[in-house]
Amino acid sequence: DMIADETVGTSEEEIMPFLKEKGHPA
């Protein structure tokens, strides 16, 4: 659930908010 895909975005800028929201360990 923490890993983004194309439905979230296809650029680092687009997926960063998702990763922060999910608390991605990376």
PDB file of all heavy atoms in Angstrom:
ATOM      1  N   ASP A   1       0.814  -1.222   0.000  1.00  0.00           N
ATOM      2  CA  ASP A   1       0.000   0.000   0.000  1.00  0.00           C
ATOM      3  C   ASP A   1       0.848   1.273   0.000  1.00  0.00           C
ATOM      4  O   ASP A   1       0.348   2.358  -0.317  1.00  0.00           O
ATOM      5  CB  ASP A   1      -0.919   0.017   1.227  1.00  0.00           C
ATOM      6  CG  ASP A   1      -1.959  -1.092   1.173  1.00  0.00           C
ATOM      7  OD1 ASP A   1      -2.398  -1.437   0.058  1.00  0.00           O
ATOM      8  OD2 ASP A   1      -2.309  -1.627   2.244  1.00  0.00           O
ATOM      9  N   MET A   2       2.128   1.155   0.351  1.00  0.00           N
ATOM     10  CA  MET A   2       2.998   2.326   0.421  1.00  0.00           C
ATOM     11  C   MET A   2       3.709   2.618  -0.894  1.00  0.00           C
ATOM     12  O   MET A   2       4.299   3.691  -1.044  1.00  0.00           O
ATOM     13  CB  MET A   2       4.058   2.122   1.517  1.00  0.00           C
ATOM     14  CG  MET A   2       3.483   1.956   2.915  1.00  0.00           C
ATOM     15  SD  MET A   2       4.817   1.700   4.106  1.00  0.00           S
ATOM     16  CE  MET A   2       3.882   1.608   5.636  1.00  0.00           C
ATOM     17  N   ILE A   3       3.681   1.661  -1.816  1.00  0.00           N
ATOM     18  CA  ILE A   3       4.400   1.817  -3.080  1.00  0.00           C
ATOM     19  C   ILE A   3       3.494   2.496  -4.100  1.00  0.00           C
ATOM     20  O   ILE A   3       2.376   2.032  -4.366  1.00  0.00           O
ATOM     21  CB  ILE A   3       4.877   0.451  -3.613  1.00  0.00           C
ATOM     22  CG1 ILE A   3       5.839  -0.201  -2.603  1.00  0.00           C
ATOM     23  CG2 ILE A   3       5.563   0.610  -4.968  1.00  0.00           C
ATOM     24  CD1 ILE A   3       6.229  -1.625  -2.959  1.00  0.00           C
ATOM     25  N   ALA A   4       3.947   3.600  -4.655  1.00  0.00           N
ATOM     26  CA  ALA A   4       3.155   4.329  -5.650  1.00  0.00           C
ATOM     27  C   ALA A   4       3.169   3.587  -6.984  1.00  0.00           C
ATOM     28  O   ALA A   4       4.040   2.757  -7.258  1.00  0.00           O
ATOM     29  CB  ALA A   4       3.717   5.734  -5.831  1.00  0.00           C
ATOM     30  N   ASP A   5       2.188   3.906  -7.807  1.00  0.00           N
ATOM     31  CA  ASP A   5       2.132   3.366  -9.165  1.00  0.00           C
ATOM     32  C   ASP A   5       1.627   4.466 -10.095  1.00  0.00           C
ATOM     33  O   ASP A   5       1.470   5.622  -9.683  1.00  0.00           O
ATOM     34  CB  ASP A   5       1.270   2.099  -9.243  1.00  0.00           C
ATOM     35  CG  ASP A   5      -0.138   2.311  -8.689  1.00  0.00           C
ATOM     36  OD1 ASP A   5      -0.737   3.371  -8.983  1.00  0.00           O
ATOM     37  OD2 ASP A   5      -0.640   1.433  -7.967  1.00  0.00           O
ATOM     38  N   GLU A   6       1.343   4.116 -11.350  1.00  0.00           N
ATOM     39  CA  GLU A   6       0.971   5.141 -12.320  1.00  0.00           C
ATOM     40  C   GLU A   6      -0.361   5.807 -12.011  1.00  0.00           C
ATOM     41  O   GLU A   6      -0.646   6.903 -12.513  1.00  0.00           O
ATOM     42  CB  GLU A   6       0.955   4.559 -13.739  1.00  0.00           C
ATOM     43  CG  GLU A   6      -0.159   3.559 -14.044  1.00  0.00           C
ATOM     44  CD  GLU A   6       0.169   2.143 -13.640  1.00  0.00           C
ATOM     45  OE1 GLU A   6       1.129   1.937 -12.849  1.00  0.00           O
ATOM     46  OE2 GLU A   6      -0.527   1.219 -14.091  1.00  0.00           O
ATOM     47  N   THR A   7      -1.195   5.169 -11.179  1.00  0.00           N
ATOM     48  CA  THR A   7      -2.453   5.815 -10.795  1.00  0.00           C
ATOM     49  C   THR A   7      -2.201   6.969  -9.825  1.00  0.00           C
ATOM     50  O   THR A   7      -3.046   7.849  -9.657  1.00  0.00           O
ATOM     51  CB  THR A   7      -3.420   4.808 -10.148  1.00  0.00           C
ATOM     52  OG1 THR A   7      -2.858   4.335  -8.916  1.00  0.00           O
ATOM     53  CG2 THR A   7      -3.673   3.623 -11.081  1.00  0.00           C
ATOM     54  N   VAL A   8      -1.034   6.954  -9.166  1.00  0.00           N
ATOM     55  CA  VAL A   8      -0.643   8.050  -8.264  1.00  0.00           C
ATOM     56  C   VAL A   8       0.085   9.134  -9.039  1.00  0.00           C
ATOM     57  O   VAL A   8      -0.169  10.336  -8.873  1.00  0.00           O
ATOM     58  CB  VAL A   8       0.257   7.519  -7.123  1.00  0.00           C
ATOM     59  CG1 VAL A   8       0.748   8.676  -6.252  1.00  0.00           C
ATOM     60  CG2 VAL A   8      -0.490   6.491  -6.288  1.00  0.00           C
ATOM     61  N   GLY A   9       1.009   8.713  -9.915  1.00  0.00           N
ATOM     62  CA  GLY A   9       1.766   9.677 -10.699  1.00  0.00           C
ATOM     63  C   GLY A   9       2.898   9.008 -11.452  1.00  0.00           C
ATOM     64  O   GLY A   9       3.231   7.842 -11.202  1.00  0.00           O
ATOM     65  N   THR A  10       3.490   9.757 -12.357  1.00  0.00           N
ATOM     66  CA  THR A  10       4.600   9.226 -13.151  1.00  0.00           C
ATOM     67  C   THR A  10       5.806  10.169 -13.115  1.00  0.00           C
ATOM     68  O   THR A  10       6.614  10.188 -14.034  1.00  0.00           O
ATOM     69  CB  THR A  10       4.169   8.969 -14.615  1.00  0.00           C
ATOM     70  OG1 THR A  10       3.630  10.181 -15.159  1.00  0.00           O
ATOM     71  CG2 THR A  10       3.147   7.855 -14.694  1.00  0.00           C
ATOM     72  N   SER A  11       5.904  10.939 -12.045  1.00  0.00           N
ATOM     73  CA  SER A  11       7.087  11.776 -11.829  1.00  0.00           C
ATOM     74  C   SER A  11       7.373  11.782 -10.331  1.00  0.00           C
ATOM     75  O   SER A  11       6.487  11.486  -9.513  1.00  0.00           O
ATOM     76  CB  SER A  11       6.866  13.202 -12.326  1.00  0.00           C
ATOM     77  OG  SER A  11       5.941  13.882 -11.487  1.00  0.00           O
ATOM     78  N   GLU A  12       8.610  12.106  -9.976  1.00  0.00           N
ATOM     79  CA  GLU A  12       8.966  12.139  -8.562  1.00  0.00           C
ATOM     80  C   GLU A  12       8.128  13.182  -7.814  1.00  0.00           C
ATOM     81  O   GLU A  12       7.713  12.963  -6.672  1.00  0.00           O
ATOM     82  CB  GLU A  12      10.458  12.433  -8.400  1.00  0.00           C
ATOM     83  CG  GLU A  12      11.361  11.298  -8.873  1.00  0.00           C
ATOM     84  CD  GLU A  12      12.816  11.507  -8.508  1.00  0.00           C
ATOM     85  OE1 GLU A  12      13.182  11.270  -7.341  1.00  0.00           O
ATOM     86  OE2 GLU A  12      13.590  11.922  -9.399  1.00  0.00           O
ATOM     87  N   GLU A  13       7.884  14.312  -8.472  1.00  0.00           N
ATOM     88  CA  GLU A  13       7.095  15.370  -7.832  1.00  0.00           C
ATOM     89  C   GLU A  13       5.672  14.901  -7.544  1.00  0.00           C
ATOM     90  O   GLU A  13       5.083  15.225  -6.502  1.00  0.00           O
ATOM     91  CB  GLU A  13       7.057  16.618  -8.729  1.00  0.00           C
ATOM     92  CG  GLU A  13       8.397  17.320  -8.896  1.00  0.00           C
ATOM     93  CD  GLU A  13       9.338  16.603  -9.852  1.00  0.00           C
ATOM     94  OE1 GLU A  13       8.870  15.692 -10.577  1.00  0.00           O
ATOM     95  OE2 GLU A  13      10.535  16.926  -9.872  1.00  0.00           O
ATOM     96  N   GLU A  14       5.111  14.125  -8.472  1.00  0.00           N
ATOM     97  CA  GLU A  14       3.722  13.670  -8.308  1.00  0.00           C
ATOM     98  C   GLU A  14       3.587  12.617  -7.219  1.00  0.00           C
ATOM     99  O   GLU A  14       2.559  12.557  -6.529  1.00  0.00           O
ATOM    100  CB  GLU A  14       3.210  13.109  -9.635  1.00  0.00           C
ATOM    101  CG  GLU A  14       2.960  14.165 -10.703  1.00  0.00           C
ATOM    102  CD  GLU A  14       2.574  13.554 -12.039  1.00  0.00           C
ATOM    103  OE1 GLU A  14       2.839  12.350 -12.263  1.00  0.00           O
ATOM    104  OE2 GLU A  14       2.009  14.280 -12.867  1.00  0.00           O
ATOM    105  N   ILE A  15       4.587  11.764  -7.043  1.00  0.00           N
ATOM    106  CA  ILE A  15       4.429  10.661  -6.085  1.00  0.00           C
ATOM    107  C   ILE A  15       4.913  11.011  -4.682  1.00  0.00           C
ATOM    108  O   ILE A  15       4.549  10.332  -3.719  1.00  0.00           O
ATOM    109  CB  ILE A  15       5.143   9.381  -6.570  1.00  0.00           C
ATOM    110  CG1 ILE A  15       6.663   9.545  -6.576  1.00  0.00           C
ATOM    111  CG2 ILE A  15       4.633   8.965  -7.945  1.00  0.00           C
ATOM    112  CD1 ILE A  15       7.415   8.254  -6.890  1.00  0.00           C
ATOM    113  N   MET A  16       5.697  12.080  -4.548  1.00  0.00           N
ATOM    114  CA  MET A  16       6.249  12.424  -3.231  1.00  0.00           C
ATOM    115  C   MET A  16       5.166  12.654  -2.160  1.00  0.00           C
ATOM    116  O   MET A  16       5.281  12.140  -1.032  1.00  0.00           O
ATOM    117  CB  MET A  16       7.171  13.636  -3.335  1.00  0.00           C
ATOM    118  CG  MET A  16       7.822  14.017  -2.004  1.00  0.00           C
ATOM    119  SD  MET A  16       8.846  12.699  -1.307  1.00  0.00           S
ATOM    120  CE  MET A  16      10.376  13.025  -2.197  1.00  0.00           C
ATOM    121  N   PRO A  17       4.096  13.413  -2.441  1.00  0.00           N
ATOM    122  CA  PRO A  17       3.058  13.586  -1.410  1.00  0.00           C
ATOM    123  C   PRO A  17       2.450  12.255  -0.965  1.00  0.00           C
ATOM    124  O   PRO A  17       2.163  12.065   0.227  1.00  0.00           O
ATOM    125  CB  PRO A  17       2.015  14.468  -2.114  1.00  0.00           C
ATOM    126  CG  PRO A  17       2.787  15.192  -3.171  1.00  0.00           C
ATOM    127  CD  PRO A  17       3.823  14.226  -3.644  1.00  0.00           C
ATOM    128  N   PHE A  18       2.266  11.340  -1.894  1.00  0.00           N
ATOM    129  CA  PHE A  18       1.720  10.011  -1.574  1.00  0.00           C
ATOM    130  C   PHE A  18       2.669   9.272  -0.633  1.00  0.00           C
ATOM    131  O   PHE A  18       2.241   8.670   0.364  1.00  0.00           O
ATOM    132  CB  PHE A  18       1.520   9.224  -2.870  1.00  0.00           C
ATOM    133  CG  PHE A  18       1.116   7.786  -2.676  1.00  0.00           C
ATOM    134  CD1 PHE A  18      -0.215   7.426  -2.561  1.00  0.00           C
ATOM    135  CD2 PHE A  18       2.080   6.776  -2.610  1.00  0.00           C
ATOM    136  CE1 PHE A  18      -0.583   6.097  -2.381  1.00  0.00           C
ATOM    137  CE2 PHE A  18       1.727   5.449  -2.446  1.00  0.00           C
ATOM    138  CZ  PHE A  18       0.390   5.114  -2.326  1.00  0.00           C
ATOM    139  N   LEU A  19       3.965   9.312  -0.943  1.00  0.00           N
ATOM    140  CA  LEU A  19       4.949   8.614  -0.117  1.00  0.00           C
ATOM    141  C   LEU A  19       4.993   9.190   1.291  1.00  0.00           C
ATOM    142  O   LEU A  19       5.090   8.457   2.281  1.00  0.00           O
ATOM    143  CB  LEU A  19       6.337   8.702  -0.766  1.00  0.00           C
ATOM    144  CG  LEU A  19       6.482   8.110  -2.176  1.00  0.00           C
ATOM    145  CD1 LEU A  19       7.888   8.363  -2.710  1.00  0.00           C
ATOM    146  CD2 LEU A  19       6.173   6.614  -2.183  1.00  0.00           C
ATOM    147  N   LYS A  20       4.891  10.516   1.390  1.00  0.00           N
ATOM    148  CA  LYS A  20       4.891  11.157   2.711  1.00  0.00           C
ATOM    149  C   LYS A  20       3.633  10.782   3.489  1.00  0.00           C
ATOM    150  O   LYS A  20       3.685  10.497   4.694  1.00  0.00           O
ATOM    151  CB  LYS A  20       4.984  12.672   2.553  1.00  0.00           C
ATOM    152  CG  LYS A  20       6.345  13.154   2.068  1.00  0.00           C
ATOM    153  CD  LYS A  20       6.364  14.679   1.919  1.00  0.00           C
ATOM    154  CE  LYS A  20       7.748  15.169   1.484  1.00  0.00           C
ATOM    155  NZ  LYS A  20       7.775  16.646   1.292  1.00  0.00           N
ATOM    156  N   GLU A  21       2.499  10.788   2.804  1.00  0.00           N
ATOM    157  CA  GLU A  21       1.227  10.443   3.462  1.00  0.00           C
ATOM    158  C   GLU A  21       1.260   9.016   4.006  1.00  0.00           C
ATOM    159  O   GLU A  21       0.771   8.734   5.100  1.00  0.00           O
ATOM    160  CB  GLU A  21       0.078  10.595   2.460  1.00  0.00           C
ATOM    161  CG  GLU A  21      -1.276  10.189   3.016  1.00  0.00           C
ATOM    162  CD  GLU A  21      -2.343  10.115   1.931  1.00  0.00           C
ATOM    163  OE1 GLU A  21      -2.173  10.752   0.857  1.00  0.00           O
ATOM    164  OE2 GLU A  21      -3.345   9.404   2.139  1.00  0.00           O
ATOM    165  N   LYS A  22       1.850   8.105   3.223  1.00  0.00           N
ATOM    166  CA  LYS A  22       1.889   6.697   3.621  1.00  0.00           C
ATOM    167  C   LYS A  22       3.023   6.404   4.600  1.00  0.00           C
ATOM    168  O   LYS A  22       3.082   5.316   5.176  1.00  0.00           O
ATOM    169  CB  LYS A  22       2.067   5.811   2.383  1.00  0.00           C
ATOM    170  CG  LYS A  22       0.917   5.882   1.390  1.00  0.00           C
ATOM    171  CD  LYS A  22      -0.360   5.292   1.966  1.00  0.00           C
ATOM    172  CE  LYS A  22      -1.486   5.287   0.944  1.00  0.00           C
ATOM    173  NZ  LYS A  22      -2.732   4.698   1.494  1.00  0.00           N
ATOM    174  N   GLY A  23       3.928   7.367   4.779  1.00  0.00           N
ATOM    175  CA  GLY A  23       5.073   7.133   5.646  1.00  0.00           C
ATOM    176  C   GLY A  23       6.013   6.084   5.088  1.00  0.00           C
ATOM    177  O   GLY A  23       6.473   5.183   5.812  1.00  0.00           O
ATOM    178  N   HIS A  24       6.304   6.193   3.821  1.00  0.00           N
ATOM    179  CA  HIS A  24       7.152   5.188   3.167  1.00  0.00           C
ATOM    180  C   HIS A  24       8.515   5.143   3.846  1.00  0.00           C
ATOM    181  O   HIS A  24       9.142   6.192   4.100  1.00  0.00           O
ATOM    182  CB  HIS A  24       7.322   5.511   1.680  1.00  0.00           C
ATOM    183  CG  HIS A  24       7.860   4.357   0.882  1.00  0.00           C
ATOM    184  ND1 HIS A  24       9.159   3.923   1.003  1.00  0.00           N
ATOM    185  CD2 HIS A  24       7.275   3.534  -0.038  1.00  0.00           C
ATOM    186  CE1 HIS A  24       9.349   2.894   0.200  1.00  0.00           C
ATOM    187  NE2 HIS A  24       8.217   2.632  -0.444  1.00  0.00           N
ATOM    188  N   PRO A  25       9.018   3.929   4.136  1.00  0.00           N
ATOM    189  CA  PRO A  25      10.291   3.822   4.877  1.00  0.00           C
ATOM    190  C   PRO A  25      11.494   4.425   4.151  1.00  0.00           C
ATOM    191  O   PRO A  25      12.466   4.831   4.802  1.00  0.00           O
ATOM    192  CB  PRO A  25      10.469   2.311   5.047  1.00  0.00           C
ATOM    193  CG  PRO A  25       9.586   1.676   4.008  1.00  0.00           C
ATOM    194  CD  PRO A  25       8.430   2.609   3.856  1.00  0.00           C
ATOM    195  N   ALA A  26      11.461   4.501   2.815  1.00  0.00           N
ATOM    196  CA  ALA A  26      12.611   5.033   2.073  1.00  0.00           C
ATOM    197  C   ALA A  26      12.917   6.475   2.461  1.00  0.00           C
ATOM    198  O   ALA A  26      14.077   6.904   2.433  1.00  0.00           O
ATOM    199  CB  ALA A  26      12.356   4.941   0.567  1.00  0.00           C
TER     200      ALA A  26
END
